[in-house]
Amino acid sequence: MSEDSAPIDDKAHIRDQLDFTDAEWIASTEDDEEPGVEIAFVDGYVGMRNGADPDGPVLVFTPEEWDAFVAGAKDGEFDEP
């Protein structure tokens, strides 16, 4: 991917300022063997992480992005063929 076509990181200015340390993480499943993803709400943003790797990276969504993601998931947009 060329530098001109690289995706724009529109949350770079906020990502390092958000503190998810004491966030209340909500698990997508209650199965300890298959932890799934976890989400947390911090300072008006939504964080999502891999429940199997809680010290790993956190994806950050604006409320509008989160609403679009949830709507797509409900509509089957991410279902496997």
PDB file of N, CA and C in Angstrom:
ATOM      1  N   MET A   1       0.854  -1.168   0.000  1.00  0.00           N
ATOM      2  CA  MET A   1       0.000   0.000   0.000  1.00  0.00           C
ATOM      3  C   MET A   1       0.896   1.226   0.000  1.00  0.00           C
ATOM      4  N   SER A   2       0.642   2.159  -0.901  1.00  0.00           N
ATOM      5  CA  SER A   2       1.453   3.359  -0.965  1.00  0.00           C
ATOM      6  C   SER A   2       1.072   4.304   0.159  1.00  0.00           C
ATOM      7  N   GLU A   3       1.952   5.249   0.421  1.00  0.00           N
ATOM      8  CA  GLU A   3       1.707   6.194   1.500  1.00  0.00           C
ATOM      9  C   GLU A   3       0.450   7.016   1.230  1.00  0.00           C
ATOM     10  N   ASP A   4       0.187   7.337  -0.050  1.00  0.00           N
ATOM     11  CA  ASP A   4      -0.987   8.128  -0.404  1.00  0.00           C
ATOM     12  C   ASP A   4      -2.292   7.375  -0.166  1.00  0.00           C
ATOM     13  N   SER A   5      -2.262   6.052  -0.266  1.00  0.00           N
ATOM     14  CA  SER A   5      -3.495   5.289  -0.095  1.00  0.00           C
ATOM     15  C   SER A   5      -3.594   4.638   1.286  1.00  0.00           C
ATOM     16  N   ALA A   6      -2.685   4.984   2.179  1.00  0.00           N
ATOM     17  CA  ALA A   6      -2.721   4.426   3.534  1.00  0.00           C
ATOM     18  C   ALA A   6      -3.972   4.918   4.256  1.00  0.00           C
ATOM     19  N   PRO A   7      -4.602   4.066   5.055  1.00  0.00           N
ATOM     20  CA  PRO A   7      -5.784   4.494   5.799  1.00  0.00           C
ATOM     21  C   PRO A   7      -5.445   5.635   6.753  1.00  0.00           C
ATOM     22  N   ILE A   8      -6.393   6.513   6.939  1.00  0.00           N
ATOM     23  CA  ILE A   8      -6.212   7.643   7.843  1.00  0.00           C
ATOM     24  C   ILE A   8      -6.604   7.203   9.246  1.00  0.00           C
ATOM     25  N   ASP A   9      -5.744   7.459  10.218  1.00  0.00           N
ATOM     26  CA  ASP A   9      -6.039   7.133  11.608  1.00  0.00           C
ATOM     27  C   ASP A   9      -6.669   8.361  12.245  1.00  0.00           C
ATOM     28  N   ASP A  10      -7.984   8.454  12.161  1.00  0.00           N
ATOM     29  CA  ASP A  10      -8.678   9.640  12.639  1.00  0.00           C
ATOM     30  C   ASP A  10      -8.820   9.708  14.162  1.00  0.00           C
ATOM     31  N   LYS A  11      -8.369   8.677  14.865  1.00  0.00           N
ATOM     32  CA  LYS A  11      -8.422   8.700  16.329  1.00  0.00           C
ATOM     33  C   LYS A  11      -7.028   8.703  16.960  1.00  0.00           C
ATOM     34  N   ALA A  12      -5.994   8.929  16.157  1.00  0.00           N
ATOM     35  CA  ALA A  12      -4.626   8.934  16.682  1.00  0.00           C
ATOM     36  C   ALA A  12      -4.474   9.976  17.787  1.00  0.00           C
ATOM     37  N   HIS A  13      -5.165  11.102  17.657  1.00  0.00           N
ATOM     38  CA  HIS A  13      -5.052  12.184  18.632  1.00  0.00           C
ATOM     39  C   HIS A  13      -5.663  11.826  19.989  1.00  0.00           C
ATOM     40  N   ILE A  14      -6.580  10.884  20.024  1.00  0.00           N
ATOM     41  CA  ILE A  14      -7.268  10.550  21.273  1.00  0.00           C
ATOM     42  C   ILE A  14      -6.850   9.196  21.846  1.00  0.00           C
ATOM     43  N   ARG A  15      -6.418   8.284  20.993  1.00  0.00           N
ATOM     44  CA  ARG A  15      -6.164   6.914  21.420  1.00  0.00           C
ATOM     45  C   ARG A  15      -5.220   6.835  22.623  1.00  0.00           C
ATOM     46  N   ASP A  16      -4.139   7.581  22.598  1.00  0.00           N
ATOM     47  CA  ASP A  16      -3.180   7.517  23.705  1.00  0.00           C
ATOM     48  C   ASP A  16      -3.654   8.265  24.945  1.00  0.00           C
ATOM     49  N   GLN A  17      -4.721   9.055  24.798  1.00  0.00           N
ATOM     50  CA  GLN A  17      -5.241   9.791  25.941  1.00  0.00           C
ATOM     51  C   GLN A  17      -6.321   9.015  26.691  1.00  0.00           C
ATOM     52  N   LEU A  18      -6.896   8.012  26.044  1.00  0.00           N
ATOM     53  CA  LEU A  18      -7.936   7.215  26.688  1.00  0.00           C
ATOM     54  C   LEU A  18      -7.301   6.212  27.643  1.00  0.00           C
ATOM     55  N   ASP A  19      -7.841   6.136  28.835  1.00  0.00           N
ATOM     56  CA  ASP A  19      -7.301   5.221  29.845  1.00  0.00           C
ATOM     57  C   ASP A  19      -8.326   4.117  30.120  1.00  0.00           C
ATOM     58  N   PHE A  20      -8.040   2.926  29.605  1.00  0.00           N
ATOM     59  CA  PHE A  20      -8.927   1.785  29.798  1.00  0.00           C
ATOM     60  C   PHE A  20      -8.526   0.940  31.010  1.00  0.00           C
ATOM     61  N   THR A  21      -7.571   1.421  31.809  1.00  0.00           N
ATOM     62  CA  THR A  21      -7.052   0.660  32.943  1.00  0.00           C
ATOM     63  C   THR A  21      -8.149   0.203  33.896  1.00  0.00           C
ATOM     64  N   ASP A  22      -9.020   1.101  34.280  1.00  0.00           N
ATOM     65  CA  ASP A  22     -10.066   0.764  35.248  1.00  0.00           C
ATOM     66  C   ASP A  22     -11.435   0.604  34.588  1.00  0.00           C
ATOM     67  N   ALA A  23     -11.434   0.422  33.279  1.00  0.00           N
ATOM     68  CA  ALA A  23     -12.702   0.287  32.555  1.00  0.00           C
ATOM     69  C   ALA A  23     -13.418  -0.995  32.962  1.00  0.00           C
ATOM     70  N   GLU A  24     -14.735  -0.960  32.895  1.00  0.00           N
ATOM     71  CA  GLU A  24     -15.544  -2.158  33.132  1.00  0.00           C
ATOM     72  C   GLU A  24     -15.752  -2.836  31.785  1.00  0.00           C
ATOM     73  N   TRP A  25     -15.044  -3.940  31.572  1.00  0.00           N
ATOM     74  CA  TRP A  25     -15.097  -4.656  30.304  1.00  0.00           C
ATOM     75  C   TRP A  25     -16.283  -5.606  30.298  1.00  0.00           C
ATOM     76  N   ILE A  26     -17.046  -5.575  29.226  1.00  0.00           N
ATOM     77  CA  ILE A  26     -18.230  -6.414  29.064  1.00  0.00           C
ATOM     78  C   ILE A  26     -17.876  -7.509  28.063  1.00  0.00           C
ATOM     79  N   ALA A  27     -17.976  -8.753  28.492  1.00  0.00           N
ATOM     80  CA  ALA A  27     -17.606  -9.893  27.645  1.00  0.00           C
ATOM     81  C   ALA A  27     -18.744 -10.247  26.692  1.00  0.00           C
ATOM     82  N   SER A  28     -18.369 -10.714  25.501  1.00  0.00           N
ATOM     83  CA  SER A  28     -19.374 -11.124  24.513  1.00  0.00           C
ATOM     84  C   SER A  28     -19.924 -12.518  24.807  1.00  0.00           C
ATOM     85  N   THR A  29     -19.274 -13.215  25.707  1.00  0.00           N
ATOM     86  CA  THR A  29     -19.706 -14.567  26.058  1.00  0.00           C
ATOM     87  C   THR A  29     -19.381 -14.827  27.526  1.00  0.00           C
ATOM     88  N   GLU A  30     -20.067 -15.779  28.112  1.00  0.00           N
ATOM     89  CA  GLU A  30     -19.777 -16.164  29.494  1.00  0.00           C
ATOM     90  C   GLU A  30     -18.912 -17.411  29.557  1.00  0.00           C
ATOM     91  N   ASP A  31     -18.471 -17.882  28.405  1.00  0.00           N
ATOM     92  CA  ASP A  31     -17.663 -19.100  28.306  1.00  0.00           C
ATOM     93  C   ASP A  31     -16.194 -18.780  28.557  1.00  0.00           C
ATOM     94  N   ASP A  32     -15.651 -19.226  29.687  1.00  0.00           N
ATOM     95  CA  ASP A  32     -14.250 -18.959  30.028  1.00  0.00           C
ATOM     96  C   ASP A  32     -13.280 -19.643  29.068  1.00  0.00           C
ATOM     97  N   GLU A  33     -13.721 -20.719  28.423  1.00  0.00           N
ATOM     98  CA  GLU A  33     -12.864 -21.449  27.479  1.00  0.00           C
ATOM     99  C   GLU A  33     -12.727 -20.698  26.152  1.00  0.00           C
ATOM    100  N   GLU A  34     -13.742 -19.942  25.790  1.00  0.00           N
ATOM    101  CA  GLU A  34     -13.773 -19.159  24.545  1.00  0.00           C
ATOM    102  C   GLU A  34     -14.162 -17.724  24.903  1.00  0.00           C
ATOM    103  N   PRO A  35     -13.210 -16.913  25.376  1.00  0.00           N
ATOM    104  CA  PRO A  35     -13.562 -15.600  25.913  1.00  0.00           C
ATOM    105  C   PRO A  35     -14.133 -14.592  24.920  1.00  0.00           C
ATOM    106  N   GLY A  36     -13.905 -14.724  23.634  1.00  0.00           N
ATOM    107  CA  GLY A  36     -14.473 -13.790  22.654  1.00  0.00           C
ATOM    108  C   GLY A  36     -13.920 -12.384  22.796  1.00  0.00           C
ATOM    109  N   VAL A  37     -14.722 -11.412  22.400  1.00  0.00           N
ATOM    110  CA  VAL A  37     -14.293 -10.019  22.505  1.00  0.00           C
ATOM    111  C   VAL A  37     -14.913  -9.391  23.737  1.00  0.00           C
ATOM    112  N   GLU A  38     -14.328  -8.265  24.139  1.00  0.00           N
ATOM    113  CA  GLU A  38     -14.833  -7.496  25.270  1.00  0.00           C
ATOM    114  C   GLU A  38     -14.920  -6.043  24.836  1.00  0.00           C
ATOM    115  N   ILE A  39     -15.922  -5.335  25.362  1.00  0.00           N
ATOM    116  CA  ILE A  39     -16.042  -3.914  25.064  1.00  0.00           C
ATOM    117  C   ILE A  39     -16.104  -3.129  26.363  1.00  0.00           C
ATOM    118  N   ALA A  40     -15.698  -1.859  26.269  1.00  0.00           N
ATOM    119  CA  ALA A  40     -15.774  -0.945  27.405  1.00  0.00           C
ATOM    120  C   ALA A  40     -16.059   0.449  26.872  1.00  0.00           C
ATOM    121  N   PHE A  41     -16.759   1.237  27.659  1.00  0.00           N
ATOM    122  CA  PHE A  41     -17.112   2.603  27.292  1.00  0.00           C
ATOM    123  C   PHE A  41     -16.292   3.557  28.154  1.00  0.00           C
ATOM    124  N   VAL A  42     -15.479   4.413  27.498  1.00  0.00           N
ATOM    125  CA  VAL A  42     -14.607   5.339  28.216  1.00  0.00           C
ATOM    126  C   VAL A  42     -14.634   6.701  27.522  1.00  0.00           C
ATOM    127  N   ASP A  43     -14.968   7.723  28.271  1.00  0.00           N
ATOM    128  CA  ASP A  43     -14.916   9.109  27.781  1.00  0.00           C
ATOM    129  C   ASP A  43     -15.606   9.310  26.436  1.00  0.00           C
ATOM    130  N   GLY A  44     -16.739   8.669  26.241  1.00  0.00           N
ATOM    131  CA  GLY A  44     -17.503   8.851  25.017  1.00  0.00           C
ATOM    132  C   GLY A  44     -17.044   7.990  23.853  1.00  0.00           C
ATOM    133  N   TYR A  45     -16.102   7.111  24.076  1.00  0.00           N
ATOM    134  CA  TYR A  45     -15.615   6.197  23.035  1.00  0.00           C
ATOM    135  C   TYR A  45     -15.895   4.763  23.461  1.00  0.00           C
ATOM    136  N   VAL A  46     -15.832   3.863  22.498  1.00  0.00           N
ATOM    137  CA  VAL A  46     -16.025   2.442  22.770  1.00  0.00           C
ATOM    138  C   VAL A  46     -14.720   1.735  22.457  1.00  0.00           C
ATOM    139  N   GLY A  47     -14.207   0.978  23.425  1.00  0.00           N
ATOM    140  CA  GLY A  47     -13.012   0.173  23.219  1.00  0.00           C
ATOM    141  C   GLY A  47     -13.402  -1.282  23.043  1.00  0.00           C
ATOM    142  N   MET A  48     -12.694  -1.978  22.166  1.00  0.00           N
ATOM    143  CA  MET A  48     -12.945  -3.404  21.960  1.00  0.00           C
ATOM    144  C   MET A  48     -11.601  -4.119  21.965  1.00  0.00           C
ATOM    145  N   ARG A  49     -11.532  -5.226  22.704  1.00  0.00           N
ATOM    146  CA  ARG A  49     -10.290  -5.999  22.785  1.00  0.00           C
ATOM    147  C   ARG A  49     -10.595  -7.482  22.714  1.00  0.00           C
ATOM    148  N   ASN A  50      -9.556  -8.255  22.499  1.00  0.00           N
ATOM    149  CA  ASN A  50      -9.642  -9.711  22.486  1.00  0.00           C
ATOM    150  C   ASN A  50      -9.662 -10.187  23.933  1.00  0.00           C
ATOM    151  N   GLY A  51     -10.732 -10.840  24.340  1.00  0.00           N
ATOM    152  CA  GLY A  51     -10.842 -11.315  25.720  1.00  0.00           C
ATOM    153  C   GLY A  51      -9.776 -12.324  26.099  1.00  0.00           C
ATOM    154  N   ALA A  52      -9.210 -13.022  25.110  1.00  0.00           N
ATOM    155  CA  ALA A  52      -8.147 -13.987  25.376  1.00  0.00           C
ATOM    156  C   ALA A  52      -6.799 -13.294  25.570  1.00  0.00           C
ATOM    157  N   ASP A  53      -6.718 -12.008  25.212  1.00  0.00           N
ATOM    158  CA  ASP A  53      -5.471 -11.242  25.329  1.00  0.00           C
ATOM    159  C   ASP A  53      -5.795  -9.861  25.893  1.00  0.00           C
ATOM    160  N   PRO A  54      -6.234  -9.789  27.151  1.00  0.00           N
ATOM    161  CA  PRO A  54      -6.672  -8.509  27.713  1.00  0.00           C
ATOM    162  C   PRO A  54      -5.577  -7.444  27.795  1.00  0.00           C
ATOM    163  N   ASP A  55      -4.326  -7.834  27.709  1.00  0.00           N
ATOM    164  CA  ASP A  55      -3.239  -6.853  27.724  1.00  0.00           C
ATOM    165  C   ASP A  55      -2.836  -6.432  26.313  1.00  0.00           C
ATOM    166  N   GLY A  56      -3.531  -6.978  25.315  1.00  0.00           N
ATOM    167  CA  GLY A  56      -3.236  -6.657  23.923  1.00  0.00           C
ATOM    168  C   GLY A  56      -3.841  -5.326  23.517  1.00  0.00           C
ATOM    169  N   PRO A  57      -3.834  -5.052  22.230  1.00  0.00           N
ATOM    170  CA  PRO A  57      -4.325  -3.765  21.742  1.00  0.00           C
ATOM    171  C   PRO A  57      -5.831  -3.601  21.922  1.00  0.00           C
ATOM    172  N   VAL A  58      -6.240  -2.356  21.998  1.00  0.00           N
ATOM    173  CA  VAL A  58      -7.645  -1.990  22.114  1.00  0.00           C
ATOM    174  C   VAL A  58      -8.026  -1.211  20.859  1.00  0.00           C
ATOM    175  N   LEU A  59      -9.050  -1.681  20.158  1.00  0.00           N
ATOM    176  CA  LEU A  59      -9.595  -0.929  19.032  1.00  0.00           C
ATOM    177  C   LEU A  59     -10.517   0.137  19.594  1.00  0.00           C
ATOM    178  N   VAL A  60     -10.464   1.343  19.039  1.00  0.00           N
ATOM    179  CA  VAL A  60     -11.263   2.452  19.541  1.00  0.00           C
ATOM    180  C   VAL A  60     -12.269   2.873  18.473  1.00  0.00           C
ATOM    181  N   PHE A  61     -13.531   3.010  18.887  1.00  0.00           N
ATOM    182  CA  PHE A  61     -14.616   3.411  17.992  1.00  0.00           C
ATOM    183  C   PHE A  61     -15.290   4.668  18.531  1.00  0.00           C
ATOM    184  N   THR A  62     -15.720   5.546  17.638  1.00  0.00           N
ATOM    185  CA  THR A  62     -16.605   6.634  18.038  1.00  0.00           C
ATOM    186  C   THR A  62     -17.992   6.011  18.222  1.00  0.00           C
ATOM    187  N   PRO A  63     -18.906   6.702  18.891  1.00  0.00           N
ATOM    188  CA  PRO A  63     -20.261   6.155  19.030  1.00  0.00           C
ATOM    189  C   PRO A  63     -20.912   5.876  17.668  1.00  0.00           C
ATOM    190  N   GLU A  64     -20.685   6.731  16.689  1.00  0.00           N
ATOM    191  CA  GLU A  64     -21.262   6.531  15.361  1.00  0.00           C
ATOM    192  C   GLU A  64     -20.680   5.291  14.690  1.00  0.00           C
ATOM    193  N   GLU A  65     -19.369   5.102  14.817  1.00  0.00           N
ATOM    194  CA  GLU A  65     -18.737   3.910  14.250  1.00  0.00           C
ATOM    195  C   GLU A  65     -19.251   2.652  14.931  1.00  0.00           C
ATOM    196  N   TRP A  66     -19.415   2.716  16.252  1.00  0.00           N
ATOM    197  CA  TRP A  66     -19.906   1.563  17.002  1.00  0.00           C
ATOM    198  C   TRP A  66     -21.330   1.205  16.578  1.00  0.00           C
ATOM    199  N   ASP A  67     -22.179   2.234  16.435  1.00  0.00           N
ATOM    200  CA  ASP A  67     -23.555   1.988  16.000  1.00  0.00           C
ATOM    201  C   ASP A  67     -23.583   1.324  14.625  1.00  0.00           C
ATOM    202  N   ALA A  68     -22.716   1.785  13.714  1.00  0.00           N
ATOM    203  CA  ALA A  68     -22.648   1.195  12.374  1.00  0.00           C
ATOM    204  C   ALA A  68     -22.151  -0.249  12.448  1.00  0.00           C
ATOM    205  N   PHE A  69     -21.171  -0.518  13.307  1.00  0.00           N
ATOM    206  CA  PHE A  69     -20.647  -1.873  13.481  1.00  0.00           C
ATOM    207  C   PHE A  69     -21.737  -2.803  14.012  1.00  0.00           C
ATOM    208  N   VAL A  70     -22.446  -2.366  15.039  1.00  0.00           N
ATOM    209  CA  VAL A  70     -23.503  -3.193  15.632  1.00  0.00           C
ATOM    210  C   VAL A  70     -24.624  -3.434  14.615  1.00  0.00           C
ATOM    211  N   ALA A  71     -25.001  -2.403  13.879  1.00  0.00           N
ATOM    212  CA  ALA A  71     -26.044  -2.561  12.865  1.00  0.00           C
ATOM    213  C   ALA A  71     -25.607  -3.570  11.804  1.00  0.00           C
ATOM    214  N   GLY A  72     -24.339  -3.501  11.384  1.00  0.00           N
ATOM    215  CA  GLY A  72     -23.823  -4.454  10.401  1.00  0.00           C
ATOM    216  C   GLY A  72     -23.821  -5.873  10.940  1.00  0.00           C
ATOM    217  N   ALA A  73     -23.451  -6.020  12.208  1.00  0.00           N
ATOM    218  CA  ALA A  73     -23.439  -7.353  12.815  1.00  0.00           C
ATOM    219  C   ALA A  73     -24.866  -7.914  12.901  1.00  0.00           C
ATOM    220  N   LYS A  74     -25.813  -7.082  13.282  1.00  0.00           N
ATOM    221  CA  LYS A  74     -27.206  -7.532  13.367  1.00  0.00           C
ATOM    222  C   LYS A  74     -27.758  -7.901  11.995  1.00  0.00           C
ATOM    223  N   ASP A  75     -27.264  -7.221  10.968  1.00  0.00           N
ATOM    224  CA  ASP A  75     -27.735  -7.454   9.606  1.00  0.00           C
ATOM    225  C   ASP A  75     -27.021  -8.627   8.934  1.00  0.00           C
ATOM    226  N   GLY A  76     -26.052  -9.231   9.634  1.00  0.00           N
ATOM    227  CA  GLY A  76     -25.339 -10.385   9.080  1.00  0.00           C
ATOM    228  C   GLY A  76     -24.154 -10.032   8.209  1.00  0.00           C
ATOM    229  N   GLU A  77     -23.764  -8.775   8.218  1.00  0.00           N
ATOM    230  CA  GLU A  77     -22.666  -8.314   7.366  1.00  0.00           C
ATOM    231  C   GLU A  77     -21.360  -9.060   7.606  1.00  0.00           C
ATOM    232  N   PHE A  78     -21.148  -9.560   8.797  1.00  0.00           N
ATOM    233  CA  PHE A  78     -19.888 -10.212   9.142  1.00  0.00           C
ATOM    234  C   PHE A  78     -20.014 -11.729   9.266  1.00  0.00           C
ATOM    235  N   ASP A  79     -21.170 -12.268   8.911  1.00  0.00           N
ATOM    236  CA  ASP A  79     -21.374 -13.711   8.970  1.00  0.00           C
ATOM    237  C   ASP A  79     -20.477 -14.420   7.958  1.00  0.00           C
ATOM    238  N   GLU A  80     -20.008 -15.595   8.325  1.00  0.00           N
ATOM    239  CA  GLU A  80     -19.226 -16.398   7.397  1.00  0.00           C
ATOM    240  C   GLU A  80     -20.158 -16.959   6.341  1.00  0.00           C
ATOM    241  N   PRO A  81     -19.664 -17.066   5.100  1.00  0.00           N
ATOM    242  CA  PRO A  81     -20.522 -17.597   4.023  1.00  0.00           C
ATOM    243  C   PRO A  81     -20.873 -19.053   4.248  1.00  0.00           C
TER     244      PRO A  81
END
